Each structure stands twice: as C-alpha cells, then as structure tokens.
Amino acid sequence: MKIVAIDHLLYGVTFETIKPHLPAELKTAWELYKKGIIREFYNKQDKPGVVIIMECKDVDSARKILNELSLVKEKYIAFDFYPISAFTGWEAIFKDSE
C-alpha cells in the first residue's frame, strides 16, 4: 500500500531545534529508502518539513516505522498519514462527455 506521511513540528519546536539532529535522521531515512520502504522524499515549500511517500502493508505499519525516528521519539515532530491509491474516476468523467 502506498502511504503519504507529512510531518509537522510540534508546539514550541523550531527548525533550529531540530537542525543538529538532521544528519542522523537523514541517514535513517536513507536506510529506509534503500530497503524500499521510503519511495519518495520531498521538502515542503511553505515551511520546514517533509512529505514522504512510503510503501507499507498499511498505515499502522508506516506509523510504527516512522515512530522510530529520533525526531519523533524526542517529540520534535509528528506525522499525519494518508493511504492513497491510483485515481479510478476516469470512466465517470469520460462517460458524461460521450
């Protein structure tokens, strides 16, 4: 299952708070990428943070994996999780135009 995980800083945490932890965190993300768990990794453009596309059994599995990140354990960030699938509405769109 494809899962989108979007992080956010927890109350009172700034980018300066987490900056010293980023090299180790990115190394962990790289290991997850090499295992095929993280498929894509993006920066948010409007504020500090990331959007991660994961391949996992389900949302609970994705949550368990990302909860092991040090920034999550230290309560600096949290993730929102969204299971996604391919868009299936094409037929409905084209049926009305025939």
Protein backbone atom coordinates (compact mmCIF):
# COMPACT_ATOMS: atom_id res chain seq x y z
CA MET A 1 0.00 0.00 0.00
CA LYS A 2 1.21 3.48 -0.80
CA ILE A 3 1.16 5.86 2.19
CA VAL A 4 1.80 9.61 2.24
CA ALA A 5 3.34 10.79 5.52
CA ILE A 6 3.53 14.53 6.14
CA ASP A 7 5.45 15.83 9.12
CA HIS A 8 4.86 18.89 11.24
CA LEU A 9 6.83 20.49 14.05
CA LEU A 10 5.26 20.07 17.45
CA TYR A 11 4.35 23.09 19.56
CA GLY A 12 7.34 25.21 20.53
CA VAL A 13 9.81 23.38 18.28
CA THR A 14 11.69 25.39 15.65
CA PHE A 15 13.88 24.38 12.74
CA GLU A 16 16.87 25.49 14.84
CA THR A 17 15.83 22.94 17.49
CA ILE A 18 15.96 20.02 15.08
CA LYS A 19 18.81 21.16 12.81
CA PRO A 20 21.59 19.41 14.81
CA HIS A 21 19.66 16.12 14.57
CA LEU A 22 19.11 16.17 10.81
CA PRO A 23 22.27 14.37 9.62
CA ALA A 24 21.47 11.27 11.71
CA GLU A 25 17.78 11.45 10.78
CA LEU A 26 18.57 11.66 7.08
CA LYS A 27 20.89 8.67 7.38
CA THR A 28 17.99 6.67 8.85
CA ALA A 29 15.72 7.86 6.03
CA TRP A 30 18.36 6.76 3.51
CA GLU A 31 18.40 3.28 5.05
CA LEU A 32 14.60 3.11 4.74
CA TYR A 33 14.90 4.25 1.12
CA LYS A 34 17.42 1.51 0.34
CA LYS A 35 15.01 -1.05 1.82
CA GLY A 36 12.21 0.16 -0.48
CA ILE A 37 10.07 1.47 2.39
CA ILE A 38 10.54 5.13 1.54
CA ARG A 39 9.83 5.52 -2.18
CA GLU A 40 9.94 9.31 -2.49
CA PHE A 41 11.06 12.15 -0.23
CA TYR A 42 10.10 15.81 -0.70
CA ASN A 43 10.66 19.12 1.08
CA LYS A 44 7.62 21.19 1.94
CA GLN A 45 7.90 24.57 0.23
CA ASP A 46 5.78 26.65 2.62
CA LYS A 47 7.52 25.71 5.90
CA PRO A 48 10.17 23.34 7.25
CA GLY A 49 9.26 19.71 6.88
CA VAL A 50 9.00 16.75 4.58
CA VAL A 51 6.48 14.72 2.65
CA ILE A 52 7.34 11.03 2.42
CA ILE A 53 5.80 8.50 0.05
CA MET A 54 6.09 5.06 1.63
CA GLU A 55 5.35 1.51 0.57
CA CYS A 56 3.97 -0.40 3.59
CA LYS A 57 1.42 -3.07 4.47
CA ASP A 58 -0.89 -0.45 5.99
CA VAL A 59 -0.96 2.87 7.86
CA ASP A 60 -0.20 1.21 11.19
CA SER A 61 2.99 -0.28 9.72
CA ALA A 62 4.04 3.11 8.33
CA ARG A 63 3.33 4.76 11.68
CA LYS A 64 5.35 2.15 13.55
CA ILE A 65 8.34 2.67 11.24
CA LEU A 66 8.35 6.47 11.42
CA ASN A 67 7.71 6.47 15.17
CA GLU A 68 11.22 5.02 15.49
CA LEU A 69 12.78 8.21 14.09
CA SER A 70 14.66 10.14 16.75
CA LEU A 71 12.82 13.40 15.98
CA VAL A 72 9.52 11.63 16.66
CA LYS A 73 10.82 9.92 19.81
CA GLU A 74 12.10 13.27 21.12
CA LYS A 75 8.66 14.78 20.40
CA TYR A 76 10.04 17.37 17.98
CA ILE A 77 7.86 16.27 15.05
CA ALA A 78 4.82 14.15 14.32
CA PHE A 79 3.43 12.72 11.09
CA ASP A 80 -0.01 12.65 9.54
CA PHE A 81 -0.62 9.54 7.42
CA TYR A 82 -2.77 9.19 4.31
CA PRO A 83 -3.26 5.91 2.44
CA ILE A 84 -3.54 6.54 -1.29
CA SER A 85 -4.31 4.58 -4.45
CA ALA A 86 -4.46 5.25 -8.16
CA PHE A 87 -7.26 7.55 -9.31
CA THR A 88 -10.22 5.50 -10.56
CA GLY A 89 -12.63 8.23 -11.65
CA TRP A 90 -11.60 8.43 -15.30
CA GLU A 91 -14.53 6.38 -16.61
CA ALA A 92 -17.07 8.57 -14.82
CA ILE A 93 -15.56 11.69 -16.39
CA PHE A 94 -15.50 10.32 -19.94
CA LYS A 95 -18.95 8.64 -19.81
CA ASP A 96 -20.60 12.06 -19.37
CA SER A 97 -18.80 13.54 -22.37
CA GLU A 98 -19.79 10.83 -24.89
